[in-house]
Amino acid sequence: MNCGWGTGGFKAIPGSGWAFAETLAKGEPGELAAPFGMERFIEGR
């Protein structure tokens, strides 16, 4: 899932696509996407 951009979505389009494409291709988030996993809400991160 790629979501939660709230009111900041348009400015992020190329960077979001770049990071999410890497996540889809490799099955694991890359450096840009790694901090934005939804497990952060369980971990308090």
All heavy atoms as atom14 arrays in JSON, in Angstrom:
{
  "sequence": "MNCGWGTGGFKAIPGSGWAFAETLAKGEPGELAAPFGMERFIEGR",
  "atom14_mask": [
    [1, 1, 1, 1, 1, 1, 1, 1, 0, 0, 0, 0, 0, 0],
    [1, 1, 1, 1, 1, 1, 1, 1, 0, 0, 0, 0, 0, 0],
    [1, 1, 1, 1, 1, 1, 0, 0, 0, 0, 0, 0, 0, 0],
    [1, 1, 1, 1, 0, 0, 0, 0, 0, 0, 0, 0, 0, 0],
    [1, 1, 1, 1, 1, 1, 1, 1, 1, 1, 1, 1, 1, 1],
    [1, 1, 1, 1, 0, 0, 0, 0, 0, 0, 0, 0, 0, 0],
    [1, 1, 1, 1, 1, 1, 1, 0, 0, 0, 0, 0, 0, 0],
    [1, 1, 1, 1, 0, 0, 0, 0, 0, 0, 0, 0, 0, 0],
    [1, 1, 1, 1, 0, 0, 0, 0, 0, 0, 0, 0, 0, 0],
    [1, 1, 1, 1, 1, 1, 1, 1, 1, 1, 1, 0, 0, 0],
    [1, 1, 1, 1, 1, 1, 1, 1, 1, 0, 0, 0, 0, 0],
    [1, 1, 1, 1, 1, 0, 0, 0, 0, 0, 0, 0, 0, 0],
    [1, 1, 1, 1, 1, 1, 1, 1, 0, 0, 0, 0, 0, 0],
    [1, 1, 1, 1, 1, 1, 1, 0, 0, 0, 0, 0, 0, 0],
    [1, 1, 1, 1, 0, 0, 0, 0, 0, 0, 0, 0, 0, 0],
    [1, 1, 1, 1, 1, 1, 0, 0, 0, 0, 0, 0, 0, 0],
    [1, 1, 1, 1, 0, 0, 0, 0, 0, 0, 0, 0, 0, 0],
    [1, 1, 1, 1, 1, 1, 1, 1, 1, 1, 1, 1, 1, 1],
    [1, 1, 1, 1, 1, 0, 0, 0, 0, 0, 0, 0, 0, 0],
    [1, 1, 1, 1, 1, 1, 1, 1, 1, 1, 1, 0, 0, 0],
    [1, 1, 1, 1, 1, 0, 0, 0, 0, 0, 0, 0, 0, 0],
    [1, 1, 1, 1, 1, 1, 1, 1, 1, 0, 0, 0, 0, 0],
    [1, 1, 1, 1, 1, 1, 1, 0, 0, 0, 0, 0, 0, 0],
    [1, 1, 1, 1, 1, 1, 1, 1, 0, 0, 0, 0, 0, 0],
    [1, 1, 1, 1, 1, 0, 0, 0, 0, 0, 0, 0, 0, 0],
    [1, 1, 1, 1, 1, 1, 1, 1, 1, 0, 0, 0, 0, 0],
    [1, 1, 1, 1, 0, 0, 0, 0, 0, 0, 0, 0, 0, 0],
    [1, 1, 1, 1, 1, 1, 1, 1, 1, 0, 0, 0, 0, 0],
    [1, 1, 1, 1, 1, 1, 1, 0, 0, 0, 0, 0, 0, 0],
    [1, 1, 1, 1, 0, 0, 0, 0, 0, 0, 0, 0, 0, 0],
    [1, 1, 1, 1, 1, 1, 1, 1, 1, 0, 0, 0, 0, 0],
    [1, 1, 1, 1, 1, 1, 1, 1, 0, 0, 0, 0, 0, 0],
    [1, 1, 1, 1, 1, 0, 0, 0, 0, 0, 0, 0, 0, 0],
    [1, 1, 1, 1, 1, 0, 0, 0, 0, 0, 0, 0, 0, 0],
    [1, 1, 1, 1, 1, 1, 1, 0, 0, 0, 0, 0, 0, 0],
    [1, 1, 1, 1, 1, 1, 1, 1, 1, 1, 1, 0, 0, 0],
    [1, 1, 1, 1, 0, 0, 0, 0, 0, 0, 0, 0, 0, 0],
    [1, 1, 1, 1, 1, 1, 1, 1, 0, 0, 0, 0, 0, 0],
    [1, 1, 1, 1, 1, 1, 1, 1, 1, 0, 0, 0, 0, 0],
    [1, 1, 1, 1, 1, 1, 1, 1, 1, 1, 1, 0, 0, 0],
    [1, 1, 1, 1, 1, 1, 1, 1, 1, 1, 1, 0, 0, 0],
    [1, 1, 1, 1, 1, 1, 1, 1, 0, 0, 0, 0, 0, 0],
    [1, 1, 1, 1, 1, 1, 1, 1, 1, 0, 0, 0, 0, 0],
    [1, 1, 1, 1, 0, 0, 0, 0, 0, 0, 0, 0, 0, 0],
    [1, 1, 1, 1, 1, 1, 1, 1, 1, 1, 1, 0, 0, 0]
  ],
  "atom14_positions": [
    [[0.83, -1.2, 0.0], [0.0, 0.0, 0.0], [0.87, 1.25, 0.0], [1.9, 1.31, 0.68], [-0.92, 0.03, 1.23], [-1.96, -1.07, 1.28], [-3.17, -1.02, -0.05], [-4.04, 0.5, 0.3], [0.0, 0.0, 0.0], [0.0, 0.0, 0.0], [0.0, 0.0, 0.0], [0.0, 0.0, 0.0], [0.0, 0.0, 0.0], [0.0, 0.0, 0.0]],
    [[0.44, 2.23, -0.78], [1.06, 3.55, -0.82], [-0.06, 4.55, -0.52], [-0.9, 4.83, -1.37], [1.65, 3.79, -2.21], [2.33, 5.14, -2.34], [2.23, 5.99, -1.45], [3.0, 5.37, -3.45], [0.0, 0.0, 0.0], [0.0, 0.0, 0.0], [0.0, 0.0, 0.0], [0.0, 0.0, 0.0], [0.0, 0.0, 0.0], [0.0, 0.0, 0.0]],
    [[-0.09, 5.05, 0.7], [-1.22, 5.9, 1.11], [-0.8, 6.8, 2.26], [0.36, 6.81, 2.67], [-2.41, 5.02, 1.51], [-2.05, 3.89, 2.88], [0.0, 0.0, 0.0], [0.0, 0.0, 0.0], [0.0, 0.0, 0.0], [0.0, 0.0, 0.0], [0.0, 0.0, 0.0], [0.0, 0.0, 0.0], [0.0, 0.0, 0.0], [0.0, 0.0, 0.0]],
    [[-1.75, 7.56, 2.78], [-1.48, 8.41, 3.94], [-0.81, 9.73, 3.62], [-0.31, 10.4, 4.52], [0.0, 0.0, 0.0], [0.0, 0.0, 0.0], [0.0, 0.0, 0.0], [0.0, 0.0, 0.0], [0.0, 0.0, 0.0], [0.0, 0.0, 0.0], [0.0, 0.0, 0.0], [0.0, 0.0, 0.0], [0.0, 0.0, 0.0], [0.0, 0.0, 0.0]],
    [[-0.82, 10.13, 2.33], [-0.12, 11.37, 1.97], [-0.87, 12.6, 2.44], [-0.33, 13.71, 2.46], [0.11, 11.43, 0.45], [1.14, 10.44, 0.0], [0.91, 9.21, -0.55], [2.55, 10.58, 0.09], [2.11, 8.58, -0.81], [3.13, 9.41, -0.42], [3.4, 11.59, 0.56], [4.51, 9.21, -0.48], [4.77, 11.4, 0.51], [5.31, 10.22, -0.01]],
    [[-2.13, 12.44, 2.8], [-2.89, 13.57, 3.33], [-2.93, 14.74, 2.35], [-3.24, 14.57, 1.18], [0.0, 0.0, 0.0], [0.0, 0.0, 0.0], [0.0, 0.0, 0.0], [0.0, 0.0, 0.0], [0.0, 0.0, 0.0], [0.0, 0.0, 0.0], [0.0, 0.0, 0.0], [0.0, 0.0, 0.0], [0.0, 0.0, 0.0], [0.0, 0.0, 0.0]],
    [[-2.57, 15.92, 2.83], [-2.61, 17.11, 1.97], [-1.29, 17.31, 1.23], [-1.11, 18.31, 0.54], [-2.91, 18.37, 2.8], [-1.8, 18.6, 3.68], [-4.16, 18.19, 3.63], [0.0, 0.0, 0.0], [0.0, 0.0, 0.0], [0.0, 0.0, 0.0], [0.0, 0.0, 0.0], [0.0, 0.0, 0.0], [0.0, 0.0, 0.0], [0.0, 0.0, 0.0]],
    [[-0.34, 16.38, 1.36], [0.98, 16.58, 0.76], [1.25, 15.67, -0.42], [2.4, 15.35, -0.7], [0.0, 0.0, 0.0], [0.0, 0.0, 0.0], [0.0, 0.0, 0.0], [0.0, 0.0, 0.0], [0.0, 0.0, 0.0], [0.0, 0.0, 0.0], [0.0, 0.0, 0.0], [0.0, 0.0, 0.0], [0.0, 0.0, 0.0], [0.0, 0.0, 0.0]],
    [[0.21, 15.24, -1.13], [0.38, 14.21, -2.14], [0.99, 14.66, -3.45], [1.89, 14.01, -3.98], [0.0, 0.0, 0.0], [0.0, 0.0, 0.0], [0.0, 0.0, 0.0], [0.0, 0.0, 0.0], [0.0, 0.0, 0.0], [0.0, 0.0, 0.0], [0.0, 0.0, 0.0], [0.0, 0.0, 0.0], [0.0, 0.0, 0.0], [0.0, 0.0, 0.0]],
    [[0.55, 15.78, -4.0], [1.01, 16.18, -5.33], [2.51, 16.42, -5.37], [3.2, 15.97, -6.28], [0.26, 17.42, -5.81], [0.74, 17.91, -7.16], [0.36, 17.25, -8.31], [1.59, 19.0, -7.27], [0.81, 17.67, -9.56], [2.05, 19.42, -8.5], [1.65, 18.76, -9.65], [0.0, 0.0, 0.0], [0.0, 0.0, 0.0], [0.0, 0.0, 0.0]],
    [[3.01, 17.12, -4.37], [4.44, 17.45, -4.36], [5.31, 16.2, -4.28], [6.49, 16.24, -4.62], [4.75, 18.38, -3.19], [4.5, 17.8, -1.81], [4.81, 18.79, -0.7], [3.81, 19.89, -0.57], [2.49, 19.46, -0.08], [0.0, 0.0, 0.0], [0.0, 0.0, 0.0], [0.0, 0.0, 0.0], [0.0, 0.0, 0.0], [0.0, 0.0, 0.0]],
    [[4.72, 15.07, -3.86], [5.5, 13.85, -3.64], [5.41, 12.87, -4.79], [6.03, 11.81, -4.73], [5.02, 13.17, -2.36], [0.0, 0.0, 0.0], [0.0, 0.0, 0.0], [0.0, 0.0, 0.0], [0.0, 0.0, 0.0], [0.0, 0.0, 0.0], [0.0, 0.0, 0.0], [0.0, 0.0, 0.0], [0.0, 0.0, 0.0], [0.0, 0.0, 0.0]],
    [[4.67, 13.17, -5.85], [4.35, 12.16, -6.87], [5.6, 11.45, -7.42], [5.67, 10.21, -7.37], [3.49, 12.78, -8.0], [2.05, 12.95, -7.52], [3.52, 11.91, -9.25], [1.14, 13.68, -8.49], [0.0, 0.0, 0.0], [0.0, 0.0, 0.0], [0.0, 0.0, 0.0], [0.0, 0.0, 0.0], [0.0, 0.0, 0.0], [0.0, 0.0, 0.0]],
    [[6.61, 12.14, -7.97], [7.75, 11.4, -8.52], [8.52, 10.61, -7.47], [8.9, 9.45, -7.7], [8.62, 12.49, -9.14], [7.73, 13.68, -9.29], [6.76, 13.59, -8.17], [0.0, 0.0, 0.0], [0.0, 0.0, 0.0], [0.0, 0.0, 0.0], [0.0, 0.0, 0.0], [0.0, 0.0, 0.0], [0.0, 0.0, 0.0], [0.0, 0.0, 0.0]],
    [[8.76, 11.2, -6.3], [9.5, 10.52, -5.23], [8.74, 9.32, -4.7], [9.33, 8.26, -4.42], [0.0, 0.0, 0.0], [0.0, 0.0, 0.0], [0.0, 0.0, 0.0], [0.0, 0.0, 0.0], [0.0, 0.0, 0.0], [0.0, 0.0, 0.0], [0.0, 0.0, 0.0], [0.0, 0.0, 0.0], [0.0, 0.0, 0.0], [0.0, 0.0, 0.0]],
    [[7.43, 9.48, -4.53], [6.58, 8.38, -4.08], [6.61, 7.23, -5.07], [6.76, 6.06, -4.7], [5.15, 8.89, -3.9], [4.22, 7.83, -3.88], [0.0, 0.0, 0.0], [0.0, 0.0, 0.0], [0.0, 0.0, 0.0], [0.0, 0.0, 0.0], [0.0, 0.0, 0.0], [0.0, 0.0, 0.0], [0.0, 0.0, 0.0], [0.0, 0.0, 0.0]],
    [[6.46, 7.55, -6.37], [6.5, 6.51, -7.39], [7.84, 5.8, -7.44], [7.91, 4.57, -7.57], [0.0, 0.0, 0.0], [0.0, 0.0, 0.0], [0.0, 0.0, 0.0], [0.0, 0.0, 0.0], [0.0, 0.0, 0.0], [0.0, 0.0, 0.0], [0.0, 0.0, 0.0], [0.0, 0.0, 0.0], [0.0, 0.0, 0.0], [0.0, 0.0, 0.0]],
    [[8.92, 6.58, -7.31], [10.28, 6.03, -7.32], [10.46, 5.03, -6.16], [10.93, 3.9, -6.36], [11.28, 7.18, -7.18], [12.73, 6.81, -7.24], [13.46, 6.21, -6.25], [13.64, 7.02, -8.34], [14.76, 6.04, -6.65], [14.9, 6.52, -7.93], [13.51, 7.59, -9.59], [16.02, 6.59, -8.75], [14.63, 7.65, -10.42], [15.86, 7.16, -10.0]],
    [[10.06, 5.44, -4.95], [10.25, 4.6, -3.76], [9.32, 3.39, -3.77], [9.72, 2.28, -3.39], [10.02, 5.44, -2.5], [0.0, 0.0, 0.0], [0.0, 0.0, 0.0], [0.0, 0.0, 0.0], [0.0, 0.0, 0.0], [0.0, 0.0, 0.0], [0.0, 0.0, 0.0], [0.0, 0.0, 0.0], [0.0, 0.0, 0.0], [0.0, 0.0, 0.0]],
    [[8.07, 3.59, -4.19], [7.09, 2.49, -4.16], [7.4, 1.47, -5.26], [7.17, 0.27, -5.08], [5.67, 3.04, -4.31], [4.6, 2.06, -3.91], [4.67, 1.38, -2.7], [3.52, 1.81, -4.74], [3.67, 0.48, -2.32], [2.53, 0.91, -4.37], [2.61, 0.24, -3.16], [0.0, 0.0, 0.0], [0.0, 0.0, 0.0], [0.0, 0.0, 0.0]],
    [[7.92, 1.94, -6.39], [8.32, 1.01, -7.46], [9.41, 0.08, -6.95], [9.4, -1.14, -7.23], [8.8, 1.79, -8.68], [0.0, 0.0, 0.0], [0.0, 0.0, 0.0], [0.0, 0.0, 0.0], [0.0, 0.0, 0.0], [0.0, 0.0, 0.0], [0.0, 0.0, 0.0], [0.0, 0.0, 0.0], [0.0, 0.0, 0.0], [0.0, 0.0, 0.0]],
    [[10.36, 0.61, -6.2], [11.42, -0.22, -5.63], [10.85, -1.24, -4.66], [11.26, -2.41, -4.64], [12.45, 0.68, -4.93], [13.64, -0.09, -4.38], [14.69, 0.81, -3.72], [14.39, 2.0, -3.5], [15.79, 0.31, -3.43], [0.0, 0.0, 0.0], [0.0, 0.0, 0.0], [0.0, 0.0, 0.0], [0.0, 0.0, 0.0], [0.0, 0.0, 0.0]],
    [[9.88, -0.81, -3.85], [9.24, -1.73, -2.9], [8.53, -2.86, -3.63], [8.65, -4.03, -3.25], [8.24, -0.95, -2.02], [8.92, 0.13, -1.37], [7.62, -1.85, -0.96], [0.0, 0.0, 0.0], [0.0, 0.0, 0.0], [0.0, 0.0, 0.0], [0.0, 0.0, 0.0], [0.0, 0.0, 0.0], [0.0, 0.0, 0.0], [0.0, 0.0, 0.0]],
    [[7.79, -2.54, -4.68], [7.08, -3.56, -5.45], [8.05, -4.49, -6.17], [7.84, -5.71, -6.21], [6.15, -2.9, -6.47], [4.82, -2.34, -5.95], [4.15, -1.48, -7.01], [3.88, -3.46, -5.53], [0.0, 0.0, 0.0], [0.0, 0.0, 0.0], [0.0, 0.0, 0.0], [0.0, 0.0, 0.0], [0.0, 0.0, 0.0], [0.0, 0.0, 0.0]],
    [[9.08, -3.93, -6.76], [10.02, -4.74, -7.55], [10.8, -5.71, -6.68], [10.99, -6.88, -7.04], [10.98, -3.82, -8.32], [0.0, 0.0, 0.0], [0.0, 0.0, 0.0], [0.0, 0.0, 0.0], [0.0, 0.0, 0.0], [0.0, 0.0, 0.0], [0.0, 0.0, 0.0], [0.0, 0.0, 0.0], [0.0, 0.0, 0.0], [0.0, 0.0, 0.0]],
    [[11.26, -5.25, -5.51], [12.13, -6.07, -4.66], [11.37, -6.81, -3.57], [11.93, -7.72, -2.93], [13.21, -5.18, -4.01], [14.14, -4.53, -5.03], [15.19, -3.67, -4.33], [16.17, -3.06, -5.32], [17.17, -2.18, -4.64], [0.0, 0.0, 0.0], [0.0, 0.0, 0.0], [0.0, 0.0, 0.0], [0.0, 0.0, 0.0], [0.0, 0.0, 0.0]],
    [[10.11, -6.41, -3.32], [9.35, -7.05, -2.25], [9.69, -6.52, -0.87], [9.1, -6.92, 0.13], [0.0, 0.0, 0.0], [0.0, 0.0, 0.0], [0.0, 0.0, 0.0], [0.0, 0.0, 0.0], [0.0, 0.0, 0.0], [0.0, 0.0, 0.0], [0.0, 0.0, 0.0], [0.0, 0.0, 0.0], [0.0, 0.0, 0.0], [0.0, 0.0, 0.0]],
    [[10.64, -5.61, -0.8], [11.06, -4.99, 0.45], [11.27, -3.5, 0.2], [11.74, -3.12, -0.87], [12.37, -5.59, 0.97], [12.28, -7.05, 1.4], [11.49, -7.24, 2.69], [11.39, -6.25, 3.46], [10.99, -8.35, 2.91], [0.0, 0.0, 0.0], [0.0, 0.0, 0.0], [0.0, 0.0, 0.0], [0.0, 0.0, 0.0], [0.0, 0.0, 0.0]],
    [[10.94, -2.64, 1.17], [11.15, -1.2, 0.96], [12.63, -0.85, 0.88], [13.46, -1.44, 1.59], [10.48, -0.57, 2.18], [10.43, -1.65, 3.21], [10.32, -2.94, 2.47], [0.0, 0.0, 0.0], [0.0, 0.0, 0.0], [0.0, 0.0, 0.0], [0.0, 0.0, 0.0], [0.0, 0.0, 0.0], [0.0, 0.0, 0.0], [0.0, 0.0, 0.0]],
    [[12.95, 0.1, 0.02], [14.32, 0.6, -0.08], [14.58, 1.69, 0.93], [13.79, 1.93, 1.85], [0.0, 0.0, 0.0], [0.0, 0.0, 0.0], [0.0, 0.0, 0.0], [0.0, 0.0, 0.0], [0.0, 0.0, 0.0], [0.0, 0.0, 0.0], [0.0, 0.0, 0.0], [0.0, 0.0, 0.0], [0.0, 0.0, 0.0], [0.0, 0.0, 0.0]],
    [[15.68, 2.39, 0.76], [16.12, 3.39, 1.74], [15.1, 4.53, 1.91], [14.84, 4.98, 3.02], [17.47, 3.96, 1.3], [18.1, 4.91, 2.32], [19.44, 5.45, 1.87], [19.95, 5.01, 0.81], [19.99, 6.33, 2.56], [0.0, 0.0, 0.0], [0.0, 0.0, 0.0], [0.0, 0.0, 0.0], [0.0, 0.0, 0.0], [0.0, 0.0, 0.0]],
    [[14.51, 4.98, 0.79], [13.55, 6.08, 0.87], [12.26, 5.67, 1.58], [11.69, 6.43, 2.36], [13.21, 6.59, -0.53], [14.08, 7.67, -1.16], [13.56, 8.02, -2.53], [14.18, 8.91, -0.29], [0.0, 0.0, 0.0], [0.0, 0.0, 0.0], [0.0, 0.0, 0.0], [0.0, 0.0, 0.0], [0.0, 0.0, 0.0], [0.0, 0.0, 0.0]],
    [[11.78, 4.44, 1.28], [10.47, 4.01, 1.77], [10.53, 3.35, 3.14], [9.51, 3.31, 3.85], [9.83, 3.04, 0.77], [0.0, 0.0, 0.0], [0.0, 0.0, 0.0], [0.0, 0.0, 0.0], [0.0, 0.0, 0.0], [0.0, 0.0, 0.0], [0.0, 0.0, 0.0], [0.0, 0.0, 0.0], [0.0, 0.0, 0.0], [0.0, 0.0, 0.0]],
    [[11.68, 2.82, 3.53], [11.78, 2.02, 4.76], [11.2, 2.68, 6.01], [10.51, 2.02, 6.79], [13.24, 1.61, 4.99], [0.0, 0.0, 0.0], [0.0, 0.0, 0.0], [0.0, 0.0, 0.0], [0.0, 0.0, 0.0], [0.0, 0.0, 0.0], [0.0, 0.0, 0.0], [0.0, 0.0, 0.0], [0.0, 0.0, 0.0], [0.0, 0.0, 0.0]],
    [[11.43, 3.98, 6.25], [10.88, 4.57, 7.48], [9.36, 4.67, 7.49], [8.77, 4.9, 8.56], [11.51, 5.98, 7.5], [12.65, 5.92, 6.55], [12.26, 4.93, 5.51], [0.0, 0.0, 0.0], [0.0, 0.0, 0.0], [0.0, 0.0, 0.0], [0.0, 0.0, 0.0], [0.0, 0.0, 0.0], [0.0, 0.0, 0.0], [0.0, 0.0, 0.0]],
    [[8.7, 4.48, 6.32], [7.27, 4.76, 6.22], [6.4, 3.5, 6.3], [5.26, 3.51, 5.85], [6.99, 5.51, 4.91], [7.63, 6.87, 4.85], [8.79, 7.09, 4.11], [7.1, 7.94, 5.55], [9.39, 8.33, 4.06], [7.69, 9.19, 5.52], [8.84, 9.39, 4.77], [0.0, 0.0, 0.0], [0.0, 0.0, 0.0], [0.0, 0.0, 0.0]],
    [[6.92, 2.42, 6.87], [6.11, 1.22, 7.07], [5.03, 1.46, 8.11], [5.21, 2.26, 9.04], [0.0, 0.0, 0.0], [0.0, 0.0, 0.0], [0.0, 0.0, 0.0], [0.0, 0.0, 0.0], [0.0, 0.0, 0.0], [0.0, 0.0, 0.0], [0.0, 0.0, 0.0], [0.0, 0.0, 0.0], [0.0, 0.0, 0.0], [0.0, 0.0, 0.0]],
    [[3.9, 0.74, 7.97], [2.81, 1.0, 8.91], [3.09, 0.38, 10.29], [2.4, 0.7, 11.26], [1.47, 0.51, 8.36], [1.31, -0.97, 8.2], [-0.38, -1.29, 7.61], [-0.32, -3.06, 7.37], [0.0, 0.0, 0.0], [0.0, 0.0, 0.0], [0.0, 0.0, 0.0], [0.0, 0.0, 0.0], [0.0, 0.0, 0.0], [0.0, 0.0, 0.0]],
    [[4.13, -0.45, 10.4], [4.48, -1.02, 11.71], [4.98, 0.06, 12.66], [5.07, -0.15, 13.87], [5.52, -2.12, 11.54], [6.91, -1.67, 11.14], [7.07, -1.4, 9.65], [6.1, -1.66, 8.88], [8.14, -0.93, 9.23], [0.0, 0.0, 0.0], [0.0, 0.0, 0.0], [0.0, 0.0, 0.0], [0.0, 0.0, 0.0], [0.0, 0.0, 0.0]],
    [[5.32, 1.25, 12.14], [5.82, 2.31, 13.01], [4.77, 2.74, 14.03], [5.12, 3.25, 15.11], [6.29, 3.51, 12.19], [5.19, 4.36, 11.55], [5.83, 5.53, 10.79], [4.86, 6.49, 10.29], [4.28, 6.44, 9.09], [4.6, 5.46, 8.26], [3.41, 7.37, 8.72], [0.0, 0.0, 0.0], [0.0, 0.0, 0.0], [0.0, 0.0, 0.0]],
    [[3.49, 2.54, 13.71], [2.45, 2.93, 14.66], [2.36, 1.95, 15.82], [1.89, 2.32, 16.9], [1.1, 3.04, 13.93], [1.07, 4.15, 12.91], [1.15, 3.87, 11.56], [1.01, 5.47, 13.3], [1.14, 4.89, 10.62], [1.0, 6.5, 12.38], [1.07, 6.21, 11.03], [0.0, 0.0, 0.0], [0.0, 0.0, 0.0], [0.0, 0.0, 0.0]],
    [[2.8, 0.72, 15.62], [2.86, -0.25, 16.71], [4.11, 0.0, 17.55], [4.09, -0.07, 18.77], [2.88, -1.7, 16.15], [1.61, -1.98, 15.36], [3.04, -2.72, 17.28], [1.64, -3.28, 14.59], [0.0, 0.0, 0.0], [0.0, 0.0, 0.0], [0.0, 0.0, 0.0], [0.0, 0.0, 0.0], [0.0, 0.0, 0.0], [0.0, 0.0, 0.0]],
    [[5.2, 0.34, 16.87], [6.49, 0.52, 17.54], [6.65, 1.89, 18.19], [7.6, 2.12, 18.93], [7.63, 0.3, 16.52], [7.62, -1.1, 15.91], [8.56, -1.2, 14.71], [9.16, -0.18, 14.33], [8.67, -2.31, 14.15], [0.0, 0.0, 0.0], [0.0, 0.0, 0.0], [0.0, 0.0, 0.0], [0.0, 0.0, 0.0], [0.0, 0.0, 0.0]],
    [[5.73, 2.84, 17.87], [5.88, 4.19, 18.4], [6.97, 4.98, 17.72], [7.51, 5.94, 18.28], [0.0, 0.0, 0.0], [0.0, 0.0, 0.0], [0.0, 0.0, 0.0], [0.0, 0.0, 0.0], [0.0, 0.0, 0.0], [0.0, 0.0, 0.0], [0.0, 0.0, 0.0], [0.0, 0.0, 0.0], [0.0, 0.0, 0.0], [0.0, 0.0, 0.0]],
    [[7.32, 4.6, 16.49], [8.41, 5.24, 15.74], [7.82, 6.24, 14.75], [7.88, 6.09, 13.55], [9.21, 4.13, 15.02], [10.41, 4.6, 14.25], [11.21, 3.43, 13.69], [10.39, 2.39, 13.1], [9.86, 2.45, 11.88], [10.05, 3.51, 11.12], [9.15, 1.44, 11.4], [0.0, 0.0, 0.0], [0.0, 0.0, 0.0], [0.0, 0.0, 0.0]]
  ]
}
